[in-house]
Amino acid sequence: MNMIHEQYDQEITLELYSKILNYHPVYLSRIFKREIGISFSDYLTDYRMKIAKVMLETTI
């Protein structure tokens, strides 16, 4: 989650993070869903939408 929060504005994929963390993408996906409650891609999309909402609300 920290990696997503720090790099939300960059090209992020489960495959990229699985290589960085040295886990198989399927395993990482299962662990993420079990621990967070939603899929990696859904979490990324939701987080990006929250950031966009804050930017829209706070930009003049």
PDB file of N, CA and C in Angstrom:
ATOM      1  N   MET A   1       0.822  -1.183   0.000  1.00  0.00           N
ATOM      2  CA  MET A   1       0.000   0.000   0.000  1.00  0.00           C
ATOM      3  C   MET A   1       0.869   1.250   0.000  1.00  0.00           C
ATOM      4  N   ASN A   2       1.935   1.236   0.771  1.00  0.00           N
ATOM      5  CA  ASN A   2       2.818   2.405   0.805  1.00  0.00           C
ATOM      6  C   ASN A   2       3.394   2.704  -0.572  1.00  0.00           C
ATOM      7  N   MET A   3       3.751   1.665  -1.298  1.00  0.00           N
ATOM      8  CA  MET A   3       4.305   1.861  -2.635  1.00  0.00           C
ATOM      9  C   MET A   3       3.261   2.502  -3.545  1.00  0.00           C
ATOM     10  N   ILE A   4       2.023   2.077  -3.443  1.00  0.00           N
ATOM     11  CA  ILE A   4       0.952   2.668  -4.241  1.00  0.00           C
ATOM     12  C   ILE A   4       0.766   4.128  -3.864  1.00  0.00           C
ATOM     13  N   HIS A   5       0.761   4.416  -2.582  1.00  0.00           N
ATOM     14  CA  HIS A   5       0.554   5.787  -2.122  1.00  0.00           C
ATOM     15  C   HIS A   5       1.683   6.707  -2.576  1.00  0.00           C
ATOM     16  N   GLU A   6       2.883   6.193  -2.647  1.00  0.00           N
ATOM     17  CA  GLU A   6       4.025   7.002  -3.058  1.00  0.00           C
ATOM     18  C   GLU A   6       4.131   7.148  -4.577  1.00  0.00           C
ATOM     19  N   GLN A   7       3.599   6.181  -5.324  1.00  0.00           N
ATOM     20  CA  GLN A   7       3.806   6.158  -6.771  1.00  0.00           C
ATOM     21  C   GLN A   7       2.498   6.140  -7.556  1.00  0.00           C
ATOM     22  N   TYR A   8       1.417   6.612  -6.965  1.00  0.00           N
ATOM     23  CA  TYR A   8       0.101   6.539  -7.605  1.00  0.00           C
ATOM     24  C   TYR A   8       0.050   7.249  -8.955  1.00  0.00           C
ATOM     25  N   ASP A   9       0.920   8.227  -9.158  1.00  0.00           N
ATOM     26  CA  ASP A   9       0.885   9.006 -10.396  1.00  0.00           C
ATOM     27  C   ASP A   9       1.826   8.451 -11.472  1.00  0.00           C
ATOM     28  N   GLN A  10       2.352   7.265 -11.231  1.00  0.00           N
ATOM     29  CA  GLN A  10       3.239   6.618 -12.189  1.00  0.00           C
ATOM     30  C   GLN A  10       2.568   5.363 -12.740  1.00  0.00           C
ATOM     31  N   GLU A  11       3.200   4.764 -13.717  1.00  0.00           N
ATOM     32  CA  GLU A  11       2.702   3.508 -14.287  1.00  0.00           C
ATOM     33  C   GLU A  11       2.922   2.404 -13.251  1.00  0.00           C
ATOM     34  N   ILE A  12       1.836   1.862 -12.735  1.00  0.00           N
ATOM     35  CA  ILE A  12       1.898   0.832 -11.702  1.00  0.00           C
ATOM     36  C   ILE A  12       1.150  -0.395 -12.202  1.00  0.00           C
ATOM     37  N   THR A  13       1.800  -1.546 -12.064  1.00  0.00           N
ATOM     38  CA  THR A  13       1.131  -2.801 -12.374  1.00  0.00           C
ATOM     39  C   THR A  13       1.448  -3.818 -11.289  1.00  0.00           C
ATOM     40  N   LEU A  14       0.577  -4.769 -11.157  1.00  0.00           N
ATOM     41  CA  LEU A  14       0.816  -5.855 -10.212  1.00  0.00           C
ATOM     42  C   LEU A  14       2.077  -6.616 -10.600  1.00  0.00           C
ATOM     43  N   GLU A  15       2.286  -6.787 -11.889  1.00  0.00           N
ATOM     44  CA  GLU A  15       3.465  -7.505 -12.368  1.00  0.00           C
ATOM     45  C   GLU A  15       4.760  -6.780 -11.991  1.00  0.00           C
ATOM     46  N   LEU A  16       4.751  -5.459 -12.117  1.00  0.00           N
ATOM     47  CA  LEU A  16       5.924  -4.675 -11.746  1.00  0.00           C
ATOM     48  C   LEU A  16       6.217  -4.824 -10.255  1.00  0.00           C
ATOM     49  N   TYR A  17       5.196  -4.685  -9.444  1.00  0.00           N
ATOM     50  CA  TYR A  17       5.393  -4.797  -7.998  1.00  0.00           C
ATOM     51  C   TYR A  17       5.762  -6.219  -7.579  1.00  0.00           C
ATOM     52  N   SER A  18       5.247  -7.196  -8.288  1.00  0.00           N
ATOM     53  CA  SER A  18       5.620  -8.579  -7.955  1.00  0.00           C
ATOM     54  C   SER A  18       7.105  -8.818  -8.232  1.00  0.00           C
ATOM     55  N   LYS A  19       7.621  -8.204  -9.292  1.00  0.00           N
ATOM     56  CA  LYS A  19       9.058  -8.327  -9.569  1.00  0.00           C
ATOM     57  C   LYS A  19       9.878  -7.609  -8.505  1.00  0.00           C
ATOM     58  N   ILE A  20       9.447  -6.415  -8.142  1.00  0.00           N
ATOM     59  CA  ILE A  20      10.164  -5.648  -7.126  1.00  0.00           C
ATOM     60  C   ILE A  20      10.187  -6.390  -5.796  1.00  0.00           C
ATOM     61  N   LEU A  21       9.051  -6.980  -5.439  1.00  0.00           N
ATOM     62  CA  LEU A  21       8.928  -7.665  -4.148  1.00  0.00           C
ATOM     63  C   LEU A  21       9.346  -9.129  -4.206  1.00  0.00           C
ATOM     64  N   ASN A  22       9.669  -9.596  -5.418  1.00  0.00           N
ATOM     65  CA  ASN A  22      10.117 -10.968  -5.628  1.00  0.00           C
ATOM     66  C   ASN A  22       9.055 -12.003  -5.246  1.00  0.00           C
ATOM     67  N   TYR A  23       7.822 -11.756  -5.676  1.00  0.00           N
ATOM     68  CA  TYR A  23       6.717 -12.694  -5.493  1.00  0.00           C
ATOM     69  C   TYR A  23       6.056 -12.937  -6.836  1.00  0.00           C
ATOM     70  N   HIS A  24       5.433 -14.073  -6.976  1.00  0.00           N
ATOM     71  CA  HIS A  24       4.659 -14.359  -8.180  1.00  0.00           C
ATOM     72  C   HIS A  24       3.434 -13.446  -8.185  1.00  0.00           C
ATOM     73  N   PRO A  25       3.044 -12.916  -9.344  1.00  0.00           N
ATOM     74  CA  PRO A  25       1.897 -12.001  -9.402  1.00  0.00           C
ATOM     75  C   PRO A  25       0.602 -12.584  -8.833  1.00  0.00           C
ATOM     76  N   VAL A  26       0.352 -13.863  -9.079  1.00  0.00           N
ATOM     77  CA  VAL A  26      -0.871 -14.490  -8.560  1.00  0.00           C
ATOM     78  C   VAL A  26      -0.836 -14.532  -7.035  1.00  0.00           C
ATOM     79  N   TYR A  27       0.319 -14.883  -6.484  1.00  0.00           N
ATOM     80  CA  TYR A  27       0.459 -14.922  -5.028  1.00  0.00           C
ATOM     81  C   TYR A  27       0.265 -13.533  -4.431  1.00  0.00           C
ATOM     82  N   LEU A  28       0.919 -12.536  -5.010  1.00  0.00           N
ATOM     83  CA  LEU A  28       0.793 -11.168  -4.508  1.00  0.00           C
ATOM     84  C   LEU A  28      -0.654 -10.693  -4.590  1.00  0.00           C
ATOM     85  N   SER A  29      -1.322 -11.025  -5.680  1.00  0.00           N
ATOM     86  CA  SER A  29      -2.722 -10.655  -5.839  1.00  0.00           C
ATOM     87  C   SER A  29      -3.594 -11.275  -4.761  1.00  0.00           C
ATOM     88  N   ARG A  30      -3.389 -12.539  -4.487  1.00  0.00           N
ATOM     89  CA  ARG A  30      -4.176 -13.225  -3.448  1.00  0.00           C
ATOM     90  C   ARG A  30      -3.930 -12.639  -2.070  1.00  0.00           C
ATOM     91  N   ILE A  31      -2.674 -12.379  -1.745  1.00  0.00           N
ATOM     92  CA  ILE A  31      -2.328 -11.807  -0.443  1.00  0.00           C
ATOM     93  C   ILE A  31      -2.919 -10.411  -0.309  1.00  0.00           C
ATOM     94  N   PHE A  32      -2.806  -9.613  -1.351  1.00  0.00           N
ATOM     95  CA  PHE A  32      -3.346  -8.249  -1.317  1.00  0.00           C
ATOM     96  C   PHE A  32      -4.849  -8.285  -1.074  1.00  0.00           C
ATOM     97  N   LYS A  33      -5.550  -9.122  -1.831  1.00  0.00           N
ATOM     98  CA  LYS A  33      -7.007  -9.213  -1.684  1.00  0.00           C
ATOM     99  C   LYS A  33      -7.390  -9.703  -0.294  1.00  0.00           C
ATOM    100  N   ARG A  34      -6.667 -10.674   0.229  1.00  0.00           N
ATOM    101  CA  ARG A  34      -6.967 -11.211   1.560  1.00  0.00           C
ATOM    102  C   ARG A  34      -6.735 -10.171   2.652  1.00  0.00           C
ATOM    103  N   GLU A  35      -5.654  -9.433   2.553  1.00  0.00           N
ATOM    104  CA  GLU A  35      -5.300  -8.468   3.595  1.00  0.00           C
ATOM    105  C   GLU A  35      -6.063  -7.157   3.498  1.00  0.00           C
ATOM    106  N   ILE A  36      -6.309  -6.677   2.292  1.00  0.00           N
ATOM    107  CA  ILE A  36      -6.919  -5.366   2.089  1.00  0.00           C
ATOM    108  C   ILE A  36      -8.427  -5.480   1.864  1.00  0.00           C
ATOM    109  N   GLY A  37      -8.852  -6.587   1.280  1.00  0.00           N
ATOM    110  CA  GLY A  37     -10.277  -6.795   1.076  1.00  0.00           C
ATOM    111  C   GLY A  37     -10.763  -6.503  -0.328  1.00  0.00           C
ATOM    112  N   ILE A  38      -9.915  -5.885  -1.154  1.00  0.00           N
ATOM    113  CA  ILE A  38     -10.243  -5.647  -2.556  1.00  0.00           C
ATOM    114  C   ILE A  38      -9.015  -5.961  -3.399  1.00  0.00           C
ATOM    115  N   SER A  39      -9.221  -6.076  -4.700  1.00  0.00           N
ATOM    116  CA  SER A  39      -8.103  -6.426  -5.572  1.00  0.00           C
ATOM    117  C   SER A  39      -7.105  -5.274  -5.681  1.00  0.00           C
ATOM    118  N   PHE A  40      -5.921  -5.611  -6.129  1.00  0.00           N
ATOM    119  CA  PHE A  40      -4.864  -4.622  -6.328  1.00  0.00           C
ATOM    120  C   PHE A  40      -5.325  -3.513  -7.260  1.00  0.00           C
ATOM    121  N   SER A  41      -5.882  -3.895  -8.399  1.00  0.00           N
ATOM    122  CA  SER A  41      -6.299  -2.887  -9.386  1.00  0.00           C
ATOM    123  C   SER A  41      -7.444  -2.023  -8.867  1.00  0.00           C
ATOM    124  N   ASP A  42      -8.376  -2.618  -8.133  1.00  0.00           N
ATOM    125  CA  ASP A  42      -9.469  -1.830  -7.553  1.00  0.00           C
ATOM    126  C   ASP A  42      -8.947  -0.850  -6.508  1.00  0.00           C
ATOM    127  N   TYR A  43      -8.000  -1.303  -5.699  1.00  0.00           N
ATOM    128  CA  TYR A  43      -7.414  -0.423  -4.686  1.00  0.00           C
ATOM    129  C   TYR A  43      -6.693   0.749  -5.361  1.00  0.00           C
ATOM    130  N   LEU A  44      -5.913   0.447  -6.383  1.00  0.00           N
ATOM    131  CA  LEU A  44      -5.173   1.489  -7.101  1.00  0.00           C
ATOM    132  C   LEU A  44      -6.133   2.502  -7.714  1.00  0.00           C
ATOM    133  N   THR A  45      -7.168   2.018  -8.359  1.00  0.00           N
ATOM    134  CA  THR A  45      -8.154   2.906  -8.972  1.00  0.00           C
ATOM    135  C   THR A  45      -8.854   3.758  -7.922  1.00  0.00           C
ATOM    136  N   ASP A  46      -9.286   3.133  -6.830  1.00  0.00           N
ATOM    137  CA  ASP A  46      -9.953   3.876  -5.756  1.00  0.00           C
ATOM    138  C   ASP A  46      -9.044   4.944  -5.164  1.00  0.00           C
ATOM    139  N   TYR A  47      -7.782   4.592  -4.944  1.00  0.00           N
ATOM    140  CA  TYR A  47      -6.846   5.558  -4.363  1.00  0.00           C
ATOM    141  C   TYR A  47      -6.626   6.734  -5.317  1.00  0.00           C
ATOM    142  N   ARG A  48      -6.456   6.438  -6.592  1.00  0.00           N
ATOM    143  CA  ARG A  48      -6.274   7.507  -7.572  1.00  0.00           C
ATOM    144  C   ARG A  48      -7.496   8.409  -7.652  1.00  0.00           C
ATOM    145  N   MET A  49      -8.671   7.833  -7.549  1.00  0.00           N
ATOM    146  CA  MET A  49      -9.904   8.631  -7.576  1.00  0.00           C
ATOM    147  C   MET A  49      -9.995   9.531  -6.342  1.00  0.00           C
ATOM    148  N   LYS A  50      -9.602   9.018  -5.184  1.00  0.00           N
ATOM    149  CA  LYS A  50      -9.609   9.836  -3.965  1.00  0.00           C
ATOM    150  C   LYS A  50      -8.644  11.008  -4.086  1.00  0.00           C
ATOM    151  N   ILE A  51      -7.466  10.748  -4.632  1.00  0.00           N
ATOM    152  CA  ILE A  51      -6.477  11.816  -4.824  1.00  0.00           C
ATOM    153  C   ILE A  51      -7.012  12.847  -5.808  1.00  0.00           C
ATOM    154  N   ALA A  52      -7.623  12.390  -6.898  1.00  0.00           N
ATOM    155  CA  ALA A  52      -8.182  13.316  -7.899  1.00  0.00           C
ATOM    156  C   ALA A  52      -9.283  14.170  -7.270  1.00  0.00           C
ATOM    157  N   LYS A  53     -10.109  13.582  -6.448  1.00  0.00           N
ATOM    158  CA  LYS A  53     -11.182  14.323  -5.782  1.00  0.00           C
ATOM    159  C   LYS A  53     -10.602  15.420  -4.887  1.00  0.00           C
ATOM    160  N   VAL A  54      -9.584  15.077  -4.113  1.00  0.00           N
ATOM    161  CA  VAL A  54      -8.939  16.065  -3.244  1.00  0.00           C
ATOM    162  C   VAL A  54      -8.323  17.174  -4.077  1.00  0.00           C
ATOM    163  N   MET A  55      -7.684  16.828  -5.173  1.00  0.00           N
ATOM    164  CA  MET A  55      -7.072  17.849  -6.030  1.00  0.00           C
ATOM    165  C   MET A  55      -8.134  18.778  -6.613  1.00  0.00           C
ATOM    166  N   LEU A  56      -9.259  18.238  -7.031  1.00  0.00           N
ATOM    167  CA  LEU A  56     -10.331  19.048  -7.582  1.00  0.00           C
ATOM    168  C   LEU A  56     -10.939  19.967  -6.520  1.00  0.00           C
ATOM    169  N   GLU A  57     -11.061  19.466  -5.307  1.00  0.00           N
ATOM    170  CA  GLU A  57     -11.649  20.257  -4.225  1.00  0.00           C
ATOM    171  C   GLU A  57     -10.731  21.350  -3.723  1.00  0.00           C
ATOM    172  N   THR A  58      -9.433  21.141  -3.847  1.00  0.00           N
ATOM    173  CA  THR A  58      -8.485  22.093  -3.264  1.00  0.00           C
ATOM    174  C   THR A  58      -7.798  22.982  -4.288  1.00  0.00           C
ATOM    175  N   THR A  59      -8.064  22.778  -5.572  1.00  0.00           N
ATOM    176  CA  THR A  59      -7.449  23.581  -6.619  1.00  0.00           C
ATOM    177  C   THR A  59      -8.385  24.752  -6.962  1.00  0.00           C
ATOM    178  N   ILE A  60      -7.782  25.901  -7.076  1.00  0.00           N
ATOM    179  CA  ILE A  60      -8.562  27.093  -7.399  1.00  0.00           C
ATOM    180  C   ILE A  60      -8.781  27.188  -8.884  1.00  0.00           C
TER     181      ILE A  60
END
